Amino acid sequence: MESNIYLQSILNKYAPRSLSNYAQKILTLKSDLKNWASPCFIEILNSGSRAKGTAISLASDVDYLISLKSDCNANSGGLKSIYDSLHTFLKERYNPVRKQNVSFRIKIGNLEVDITPARKHSGNTNDHWLYVSKLDTLRQTNIQKHITDISSCGRLNEIKLLKIWRELNHLYFPSIYLEYLTINILSGKSKDPTNLSDNFCFMLQELSKDTSNPLNSRIVDPANSSNILSDLLSLIEKKTIISKAKKAIGQQYWDYILW
């Protein structure tokens, strides 16, 4: 029980911050983004960890997806040119801007905001195309599917603890992959919140394995079977996570694992 109390204190420590002090600046940002996207603009969607219930203060504070019409820039460079255009637009107003795989990170004061441009499929669907800058390609996904899956999975605390562990250890571990991997690892474990410490220990033990490690299993995006989430990490990046997990399970006290 003491372990569960400690882990709950870690969750409380890294709870996402209130956005009340940023309300006006967020409205200004959304207005700027709408002006940039016009005449392709459809809507701005809450697309990340806050929408899923997995937000922590150590990662981005807010995630927005700019939903654009299906024919936006069809004859002018497509989604890559949209991505580049947004980068230029943001640098002029919110510098510095950090380019990420499918998004850009800006700061409003000390609030970190990730912004992803996406072109919606035609018809009655939530499917969107994203531009993946690292691979210079397009990827189809469905943010609403992810939000529904993760928010209702019953593993929000375990996901948040693994995100905290990731951040404290400076690991590259994309959240969408981390979230679905957590669900897979814990598929046979109790969802009773009083078992939080047992579940998190089990996750670290699984991630530390030399054989049958879940990091070596194939994890597919439920919104697009051709989008392999487990391919988001290189072999070297997976080995780094395994090494950190081995170190964690060798610790005697929780405050050497999460602090």
C-alpha atoms as a PDB file:
ATOM      1  CA  MET A   1       0.000   0.000   0.000  1.00  0.00           C
ATOM      2  CA  GLU A   2       2.866   2.411   0.782  1.00  0.00           C
ATOM      3  CA  SER A   3       4.181   1.890  -2.737  1.00  0.00           C
ATOM      4  CA  ASN A   4       0.801   2.840  -4.193  1.00  0.00           C
ATOM      5  CA  ILE A   5       0.702   5.951  -2.008  1.00  0.00           C
ATOM      6  CA  TYR A   6       4.159   6.947  -3.221  1.00  0.00           C
ATOM      7  CA  LEU A   7       3.241   6.439  -6.871  1.00  0.00           C
ATOM      8  CA  GLN A   8       0.074   8.471  -6.381  1.00  0.00           C
ATOM      9  CA  SER A   9       2.221  11.272  -4.936  1.00  0.00           C
ATOM     10  CA  ILE A  10       4.344  11.151  -8.110  1.00  0.00           C
ATOM     11  CA  LEU A  11       1.193  11.412 -10.233  1.00  0.00           C
ATOM     12  CA  ASN A  12       0.089  14.396  -8.152  1.00  0.00           C
ATOM     13  CA  LYS A  13       3.529  16.022  -8.415  1.00  0.00           C
ATOM     14  CA  TYR A  14       3.510  15.873 -12.209  1.00  0.00           C
ATOM     15  CA  ALA A  15      -0.193  16.583 -12.761  1.00  0.00           C
ATOM     16  CA  PRO A  16      -0.816  18.815 -15.803  1.00  0.00           C
ATOM     17  CA  ARG A  17      -0.929  22.500 -15.035  1.00  0.00           C
ATOM     18  CA  SER A  18      -4.087  24.578 -15.184  1.00  0.00           C
ATOM     19  CA  LEU A  19      -4.590  26.503 -18.427  1.00  0.00           C
ATOM     20  CA  SER A  20      -6.725  29.219 -16.832  1.00  0.00           C
ATOM     21  CA  ASN A  21      -3.881  31.757 -16.831  1.00  0.00           C
ATOM     22  CA  TYR A  22      -3.276  31.133 -20.529  1.00  0.00           C
ATOM     23  CA  ALA A  23      -6.867  31.324 -21.763  1.00  0.00           C
ATOM     24  CA  GLN A  24      -6.479  34.605 -23.665  1.00  0.00           C
ATOM     25  CA  LYS A  25      -3.134  33.658 -25.215  1.00  0.00           C
ATOM     26  CA  ILE A  26      -4.563  30.322 -26.363  1.00  0.00           C
ATOM     27  CA  LEU A  27      -7.493  32.134 -27.972  1.00  0.00           C
ATOM     28  CA  THR A  28      -5.008  34.403 -29.763  1.00  0.00           C
ATOM     29  CA  LEU A  29      -3.010  31.392 -30.952  1.00  0.00           C
ATOM     30  CA  LYS A  30      -6.129  29.674 -32.280  1.00  0.00           C
ATOM     31  CA  SER A  31      -7.136  32.870 -34.093  1.00  0.00           C
ATOM     32  CA  ASP A  32      -3.652  33.073 -35.659  1.00  0.00           C
ATOM     33  CA  LEU A  33      -3.835  29.441 -36.763  1.00  0.00           C
ATOM     34  CA  LYS A  34      -7.292  29.901 -38.242  1.00  0.00           C
ATOM     35  CA  ASN A  35      -6.079  32.927 -40.218  1.00  0.00           C
ATOM     36  CA  TRP A  36      -3.077  30.955 -41.470  1.00  0.00           C
ATOM     37  CA  ALA A  37      -5.256  28.016 -42.566  1.00  0.00           C
ATOM     38  CA  SER A  38      -7.923  30.039 -44.338  1.00  0.00           C
ATOM     39  CA  PRO A  39      -9.509  29.131 -46.783  1.00  0.00           C
ATOM     40  CA  CYS A  40      -8.647  25.472 -45.999  1.00  0.00           C
ATOM     41  CA  PHE A  41      -9.624  25.666 -42.332  1.00  0.00           C
ATOM     42  CA  ILE A  42     -12.134  23.198 -40.868  1.00  0.00           C
ATOM     43  CA  GLU A  43     -11.429  23.209 -37.119  1.00  0.00           C
ATOM     44  CA  ILE A  44      -8.784  23.022 -34.399  1.00  0.00           C
ATOM     45  CA  LEU A  45      -8.966  19.792 -32.400  1.00  0.00           C
ATOM     46  CA  ASN A  46      -7.614  18.962 -28.959  1.00  0.00           C
ATOM     47  CA  SER A  47      -5.511  16.028 -30.078  1.00  0.00           C
ATOM     48  CA  GLY A  48      -3.052  14.962 -27.426  1.00  0.00           C
ATOM     49  CA  SER A  49      -2.624  13.798 -23.873  1.00  0.00           C
ATOM     50  CA  ARG A  50      -5.153  16.180 -22.326  1.00  0.00           C
ATOM     51  CA  ALA A  51      -7.859  14.812 -24.573  1.00  0.00           C
ATOM     52  CA  LYS A  52      -6.831  11.249 -23.689  1.00  0.00           C
ATOM     53  CA  GLY A  53      -6.410  11.860 -19.952  1.00  0.00           C
ATOM     54  CA  THR A  54      -2.675  11.017 -19.984  1.00  0.00           C
ATOM     55  CA  ALA A  55      -1.178  14.504 -19.619  1.00  0.00           C
ATOM     56  CA  ILE A  56       1.781  15.164 -17.322  1.00  0.00           C
ATOM     57  CA  SER A  57       3.560  18.419 -16.591  1.00  0.00           C
ATOM     58  CA  LEU A  58       6.919  17.131 -17.889  1.00  0.00           C
ATOM     59  CA  ALA A  59       5.708  16.770 -21.493  1.00  0.00           C
ATOM     60  CA  SER A  60       3.891  19.174 -23.819  1.00  0.00           C
ATOM     61  CA  ASP A  61       1.080  21.034 -22.066  1.00  0.00           C
ATOM     62  CA  VAL A  62      -1.337  21.330 -24.994  1.00  0.00           C
ATOM     63  CA  ASP A  63      -1.679  19.553 -28.358  1.00  0.00           C
ATOM     64  CA  TYR A  64      -3.706  20.943 -31.236  1.00  0.00           C
ATOM     65  CA  LEU A  65      -4.422  19.420 -34.620  1.00  0.00           C
ATOM     66  CA  ILE A  66      -5.377  21.857 -37.371  1.00  0.00           C
ATOM     67  CA  SER A  67      -7.899  20.020 -39.533  1.00  0.00           C
ATOM     68  CA  LEU A  68      -7.733  21.197 -43.158  1.00  0.00           C
ATOM     69  CA  LYS A  69      -9.963  20.475 -46.147  1.00  0.00           C
ATOM     70  CA  SER A  70      -9.173  17.383 -48.178  1.00  0.00           C
ATOM     71  CA  ASP A  71      -8.223  19.351 -51.301  1.00  0.00           C
ATOM     72  CA  CYS A  72      -6.058  21.920 -49.496  1.00  0.00           C
ATOM     73  CA  ASN A  73      -2.908  22.716 -51.504  1.00  0.00           C
ATOM     74  CA  ALA A  74      -3.572  19.738 -53.774  1.00  0.00           C
ATOM     75  CA  ASN A  75      -1.824  21.418 -56.710  1.00  0.00           C
ATOM     76  CA  SER A  76       0.778  23.418 -54.773  1.00  0.00           C
ATOM     77  CA  GLY A  77       3.101  20.937 -53.106  1.00  0.00           C
ATOM     78  CA  GLY A  78       0.537  19.083 -51.042  1.00  0.00           C
ATOM     79  CA  LEU A  79       0.843  18.427 -47.336  1.00  0.00           C
ATOM     80  CA  LYS A  80       4.617  18.935 -47.230  1.00  0.00           C
ATOM     81  CA  SER A  81       4.206  22.511 -48.420  1.00  0.00           C
ATOM     82  CA  ILE A  82       1.463  22.994 -45.802  1.00  0.00           C
ATOM     83  CA  TYR A  83       3.844  21.704 -43.120  1.00  0.00           C
ATOM     84  CA  ASP A  84       6.618  24.041 -44.319  1.00  0.00           C
ATOM     85  CA  SER A  85       4.220  26.976 -44.544  1.00  0.00           C
ATOM     86  CA  LEU A  86       3.081  26.500 -40.945  1.00  0.00           C
ATOM     87  CA  HIS A  87       6.699  26.307 -39.814  1.00  0.00           C
ATOM     88  CA  THR A  88       7.454  29.651 -41.443  1.00  0.00           C
ATOM     89  CA  PHE A  89       4.262  31.189 -40.065  1.00  0.00           C
ATOM     90  CA  LEU A  90       4.992  30.081 -36.505  1.00  0.00           C
ATOM     91  CA  LYS A  91       8.633  31.241 -36.612  1.00  0.00           C
ATOM     92  CA  GLU A  92       7.469  34.738 -37.500  1.00  0.00           C
ATOM     93  CA  ARG A  93       5.193  34.917 -34.439  1.00  0.00           C
ATOM     94  CA  TYR A  94       6.273  32.403 -31.817  1.00  0.00           C
ATOM     95  CA  ASN A  95      10.011  31.910 -32.262  1.00  0.00           C
ATOM     96  CA  PRO A  96      11.676  29.660 -31.190  1.00  0.00           C
ATOM     97  CA  VAL A  97       9.825  26.858 -32.945  1.00  0.00           C
ATOM     98  CA  ARG A  98      10.948  23.242 -32.557  1.00  0.00           C
ATOM     99  CA  LYS A  99      10.300  21.057 -35.589  1.00  0.00           C
ATOM    100  CA  GLN A 100       9.154  17.570 -34.607  1.00  0.00           C
ATOM    101  CA  ASN A 101       8.189  14.491 -36.595  1.00  0.00           C
ATOM    102  CA  VAL A 102       4.637  15.568 -37.514  1.00  0.00           C
ATOM    103  CA  SER A 103       4.235  18.697 -35.396  1.00  0.00           C
ATOM    104  CA  PHE A 104       5.833  21.901 -34.175  1.00  0.00           C
ATOM    105  CA  ARG A 105       6.414  22.896 -30.561  1.00  0.00           C
ATOM    106  CA  ILE A 106       6.107  26.512 -29.523  1.00  0.00           C
ATOM    107  CA  LYS A 107       6.095  28.191 -26.137  1.00  0.00           C
ATOM    108  CA  ILE A 108       3.606  30.732 -24.871  1.00  0.00           C
ATOM    109  CA  GLY A 109       5.355  32.029 -21.799  1.00  0.00           C
ATOM    110  CA  ASN A 110       6.331  28.750 -20.137  1.00  0.00           C
ATOM    111  CA  LEU A 111       3.434  26.830 -21.697  1.00  0.00           C
ATOM    112  CA  GLU A 112       4.522  24.267 -24.302  1.00  0.00           C
ATOM    113  CA  VAL A 113       2.142  23.789 -27.223  1.00  0.00           C
ATOM    114  CA  ASP A 114       2.432  21.160 -29.979  1.00  0.00           C
ATOM    115  CA  ILE A 115       0.693  21.992 -33.260  1.00  0.00           C
ATOM    116  CA  THR A 116       0.069  19.445 -36.028  1.00  0.00           C
ATOM    117  CA  PRO A 117      -1.255  20.323 -39.493  1.00  0.00           C
ATOM    118  CA  ALA A 118      -3.425  17.594 -41.027  1.00  0.00           C
ATOM    119  CA  ARG A 119      -5.520  17.201 -44.146  1.00  0.00           C
ATOM    120  CA  LYS A 120      -8.887  15.537 -43.583  1.00  0.00           C
ATOM    121  CA  HIS A 121     -10.129  12.770 -45.830  1.00  0.00           C
ATOM    122  CA  SER A 122     -13.172  13.623 -47.877  1.00  0.00           C
ATOM    123  CA  GLY A 123     -16.554  12.374 -46.703  1.00  0.00           C
ATOM    124  CA  ASN A 124     -17.951  11.626 -43.258  1.00  0.00           C
ATOM    125  CA  THR A 125     -14.778  10.472 -41.513  1.00  0.00           C
ATOM    126  CA  ASN A 126     -12.280  11.505 -38.846  1.00  0.00           C
ATOM    127  CA  ASP A 127      -9.343  10.128 -40.852  1.00  0.00           C
ATOM    128  CA  HIS A 128      -6.533  12.594 -41.559  1.00  0.00           C
ATOM    129  CA  TRP A 129      -3.277  12.646 -43.484  1.00  0.00           C
ATOM    130  CA  LEU A 130      -0.167  13.811 -41.611  1.00  0.00           C
ATOM    131  CA  TYR A 131       3.192  14.778 -43.084  1.00  0.00           C
ATOM    132  CA  VAL A 132       6.023  12.790 -41.453  1.00  0.00           C
ATOM    133  CA  SER A 133       9.084  15.014 -41.773  1.00  0.00           C
ATOM    134  CA  LYS A 134      11.684  12.416 -40.698  1.00  0.00           C
ATOM    135  CA  LEU A 135      10.615  10.061 -43.488  1.00  0.00           C
ATOM    136  CA  ASP A 136       9.420  12.708 -45.970  1.00  0.00           C
ATOM    137  CA  THR A 137       6.169  10.843 -46.463  1.00  0.00           C
ATOM    138  CA  LEU A 138       2.461  10.954 -45.616  1.00  0.00           C
ATOM    139  CA  ARG A 139       0.749   8.883 -42.973  1.00  0.00           C
ATOM    140  CA  GLN A 140      -2.957   8.291 -42.453  1.00  0.00           C
ATOM    141  CA  THR A 141      -4.347   8.178 -38.936  1.00  0.00           C
ATOM    142  CA  ASN A 142      -7.427   8.923 -36.866  1.00  0.00           C
ATOM    143  CA  ILE A 143      -6.839  11.081 -33.805  1.00  0.00           C
ATOM    144  CA  GLN A 144     -10.388  10.585 -32.516  1.00  0.00           C
ATOM    145  CA  LYS A 145      -9.888   6.798 -32.575  1.00  0.00           C
ATOM    146  CA  HIS A 146      -6.753   7.218 -30.464  1.00  0.00           C
ATOM    147  CA  ILE A 147      -8.537   9.489 -27.994  1.00  0.00           C
ATOM    148  CA  THR A 148     -11.420   7.035 -27.600  1.00  0.00           C
ATOM    149  CA  ASP A 149      -9.134   3.999 -27.218  1.00  0.00           C
ATOM    150  CA  ILE A 150      -6.750   5.518 -24.700  1.00  0.00           C
ATOM    151  CA  SER A 151      -9.210   7.502 -22.594  1.00  0.00           C
ATOM    152  CA  SER A 152     -11.342   4.392 -22.026  1.00  0.00           C
ATOM    153  CA  CYS A 153      -8.554   1.826 -21.561  1.00  0.00           C
ATOM    154  CA  GLY A 154      -8.468   1.824 -17.758  1.00  0.00           C
ATOM    155  CA  ARG A 155      -4.661   2.248 -17.769  1.00  0.00           C
ATOM    156  CA  LEU A 156      -4.317   6.023 -17.530  1.00  0.00           C
ATOM    157  CA  ASN A 157      -2.240   6.032 -14.335  1.00  0.00           C
ATOM    158  CA  GLU A 158       0.165   3.381 -15.624  1.00  0.00           C
ATOM    159  CA  ILE A 159       0.565   5.324 -18.872  1.00  0.00           C
ATOM    160  CA  LYS A 160       1.260   8.551 -16.969  1.00  0.00           C
ATOM    161  CA  LEU A 161       3.828   6.835 -14.749  1.00  0.00           C
ATOM    162  CA  LEU A 162       5.616   5.417 -17.788  1.00  0.00           C
ATOM    163  CA  LYS A 163       5.598   8.877 -19.394  1.00  0.00           C
ATOM    164  CA  ILE A 164       7.080  10.376 -16.220  1.00  0.00           C
ATOM    165  CA  TRP A 165       9.752   7.650 -16.168  1.00  0.00           C
ATOM    166  CA  ARG A 166      10.476   8.372 -19.860  1.00  0.00           C
ATOM    167  CA  GLU A 167      10.929  12.081 -19.231  1.00  0.00           C
ATOM    168  CA  LEU A 168      13.067  11.643 -16.103  1.00  0.00           C
ATOM    169  CA  ASN A 169      15.354   9.315 -18.066  1.00  0.00           C
ATOM    170  CA  HIS A 170      15.420  11.529 -21.195  1.00  0.00           C
ATOM    171  CA  LEU A 171      14.209   8.718 -23.443  1.00  0.00           C
ATOM    172  CA  TYR A 172      12.810   9.041 -26.938  1.00  0.00           C
ATOM    173  CA  PHE A 173       9.557   7.080 -26.721  1.00  0.00           C
ATOM    174  CA  PRO A 174       6.664   8.520 -28.803  1.00  0.00           C
ATOM    175  CA  SER A 175       3.516   8.799 -26.707  1.00  0.00           C
ATOM    176  CA  ILE A 176       1.175   7.089 -29.162  1.00  0.00           C
ATOM    177  CA  TYR A 177       3.448   4.037 -29.199  1.00  0.00           C
ATOM    178  CA  LEU A 178       3.974   4.148 -25.425  1.00  0.00           C
ATOM    179  CA  GLU A 179       0.216   4.283 -24.807  1.00  0.00           C
ATOM    180  CA  TYR A 180      -0.760   1.309 -26.962  1.00  0.00           C
ATOM    181  CA  LEU A 181       2.283  -0.659 -25.778  1.00  0.00           C
ATOM    182  CA  THR A 182       1.224  -0.120 -22.147  1.00  0.00           C
ATOM    183  CA  ILE A 183      -2.259  -1.438 -22.918  1.00  0.00           C
ATOM    184  CA  ASN A 184      -0.751  -4.520 -24.584  1.00  0.00           C
ATOM    185  CA  ILE A 185       1.704  -5.232 -21.760  1.00  0.00           C
ATOM    186  CA  LEU A 186      -0.990  -4.979 -19.091  1.00  0.00           C
ATOM    187  CA  SER A 187      -3.700  -6.803 -21.007  1.00  0.00           C
ATOM    188  CA  GLY A 188      -3.824  -9.617 -18.456  1.00  0.00           C
ATOM    189  CA  LYS A 189      -3.278  -7.524 -15.326  1.00  0.00           C
ATOM    190  CA  SER A 190      -5.816  -6.196 -12.850  1.00  0.00           C
ATOM    191  CA  LYS A 191      -7.258  -2.718 -13.427  1.00  0.00           C
ATOM    192  CA  ASP A 192      -7.758  -2.278  -9.677  1.00  0.00           C
ATOM    193  CA  PRO A 193      -6.044   1.061  -8.806  1.00  0.00           C
ATOM    194  CA  THR A 194      -4.699  -0.467  -5.594  1.00  0.00           C
ATOM    195  CA  ASN A 195      -2.493  -2.674  -7.809  1.00  0.00           C
ATOM    196  CA  LEU A 196      -0.748   0.312  -9.404  1.00  0.00           C
ATOM    197  CA  SER A 197       2.707  -0.486  -7.988  1.00  0.00           C
ATOM    198  CA  ASP A 198       2.454  -4.154  -9.016  1.00  0.00           C
ATOM    199  CA  ASN A 199       1.383  -3.167 -12.518  1.00  0.00           C
ATOM    200  CA  PHE A 200       4.145  -0.612 -12.965  1.00  0.00           C
ATOM    201  CA  CYS A 201       6.781  -3.047 -11.660  1.00  0.00           C
ATOM    202  CA  PHE A 202       5.481  -5.634 -14.113  1.00  0.00           C
ATOM    203  CA  MET A 203       5.819  -3.130 -16.972  1.00  0.00           C
ATOM    204  CA  LEU A 204       9.423  -2.333 -16.086  1.00  0.00           C
ATOM    205  CA  GLN A 205      10.245  -6.035 -15.773  1.00  0.00           C
ATOM    206  CA  GLU A 206       8.744  -6.695 -19.198  1.00  0.00           C
ATOM    207  CA  LEU A 207      10.649  -3.775 -20.734  1.00  0.00           C
ATOM    208  CA  SER A 208      13.917  -5.049 -19.236  1.00  0.00           C
ATOM    209  CA  LYS A 209      13.741  -8.517 -20.821  1.00  0.00           C
ATOM    210  CA  ASP A 210      16.494  -9.760 -23.104  1.00  0.00           C
ATOM    211  CA  THR A 211      14.084 -12.149 -24.819  1.00  0.00           C
ATOM    212  CA  SER A 212      10.355 -11.836 -25.544  1.00  0.00           C
ATOM    213  CA  ASN A 213      10.575  -8.129 -24.816  1.00  0.00           C
ATOM    214  CA  PRO A 214       7.326  -6.340 -25.793  1.00  0.00           C
ATOM    215  CA  LEU A 215       9.443  -3.657 -27.464  1.00  0.00           C
ATOM    216  CA  ASN A 216      10.270  -6.293 -30.072  1.00  0.00           C
ATOM    217  CA  SER A 217       6.625  -7.065 -30.770  1.00  0.00           C
ATOM    218  CA  ARG A 218       4.705  -5.524 -33.633  1.00  0.00           C
ATOM    219  CA  ILE A 219       2.318  -2.772 -32.502  1.00  0.00           C
ATOM    220  CA  VAL A 220      -0.070  -1.552 -35.194  1.00  0.00           C
ATOM    221  CA  ASP A 221      -2.030   1.701 -35.204  1.00  0.00           C
ATOM    222  CA  PRO A 222      -5.675   0.619 -34.797  1.00  0.00           C
ATOM    223  CA  ALA A 223      -6.645   3.558 -36.988  1.00  0.00           C
ATOM    224  CA  ASN A 224      -4.424   2.381 -39.874  1.00  0.00           C
ATOM    225  CA  SER A 225      -3.008  -1.131 -40.160  1.00  0.00           C
ATOM    226  CA  SER A 226      -0.176   0.058 -42.420  1.00  0.00           C
ATOM    227  CA  ASN A 227       1.053   2.439 -39.715  1.00  0.00           C
ATOM    228  CA  ILE A 228       3.396   0.344 -37.541  1.00  0.00           C
ATOM    229  CA  LEU A 229       3.811   2.145 -34.222  1.00  0.00           C
ATOM    230  CA  SER A 230       6.653  -0.129 -33.110  1.00  0.00           C
ATOM    231  CA  ASP A 231       8.697   1.136 -36.069  1.00  0.00           C
ATOM    232  CA  LEU A 232       8.724   4.619 -34.561  1.00  0.00           C
ATOM    233  CA  LEU A 233      11.732   3.540 -32.481  1.00  0.00           C
ATOM    234  CA  SER A 234      15.022   2.339 -33.902  1.00  0.00           C
ATOM    235  CA  LEU A 235      16.748  -0.743 -32.538  1.00  0.00           C
ATOM    236  CA  ILE A 236      19.249   1.479 -30.720  1.00  0.00           C
ATOM    237  CA  GLU A 237      16.450   3.525 -29.141  1.00  0.00           C
ATOM    238  CA  LYS A 238      14.723   0.335 -27.969  1.00  0.00           C
ATOM    239  CA  LYS A 239      17.990  -0.963 -26.496  1.00  0.00           C
ATOM    240  CA  THR A 240      18.364   2.282 -24.555  1.00  0.00           C
ATOM    241  CA  ILE A 241      14.888   1.830 -23.043  1.00  0.00           C
ATOM    242  CA  ILE A 242      15.734  -1.785 -22.141  1.00  0.00           C
ATOM    243  CA  SER A 243      18.954  -0.657 -20.453  1.00  0.00           C
ATOM    244  CA  LYS A 244      17.129   1.976 -18.397  1.00  0.00           C
ATOM    245  CA  ALA A 245      14.436  -0.553 -17.427  1.00  0.00           C
ATOM    246  CA  LYS A 246      17.117  -3.001 -16.248  1.00  0.00           C
ATOM    247  CA  LYS A 247      18.600  -0.270 -14.075  1.00  0.00           C
ATOM    248  CA  ALA A 248      15.167   0.609 -12.683  1.00  0.00           C
ATOM    249  CA  ILE A 249      14.224  -2.921 -11.627  1.00  0.00           C
ATOM    250  CA  GLY A 250      17.573  -3.226  -9.875  1.00  0.00           C
ATOM    251  CA  GLN A 251      16.729  -0.363  -7.515  1.00  0.00           C
ATOM    252  CA  GLN A 252      15.637  -1.100  -3.953  1.00  0.00           C
ATOM    253  CA  TYR A 253      13.528   2.019  -3.402  1.00  0.00           C
ATOM    254  CA  TRP A 254      10.874   3.739  -5.494  1.00  0.00           C
ATOM    255  CA  ASP A 255      12.472   7.171  -5.195  1.00  0.00           C
ATOM    256  CA  TYR A 256      15.442   5.902  -7.231  1.00  0.00           C
ATOM    257  CA  ILE A 257      13.037   4.974 -10.041  1.00  0.00           C
ATOM    258  CA  LEU A 258      10.604   7.906  -9.960  1.00  0.00           C
ATOM    259  CA  TRP A 259      11.361  11.076  -8.093  1.00  0.00           C
END
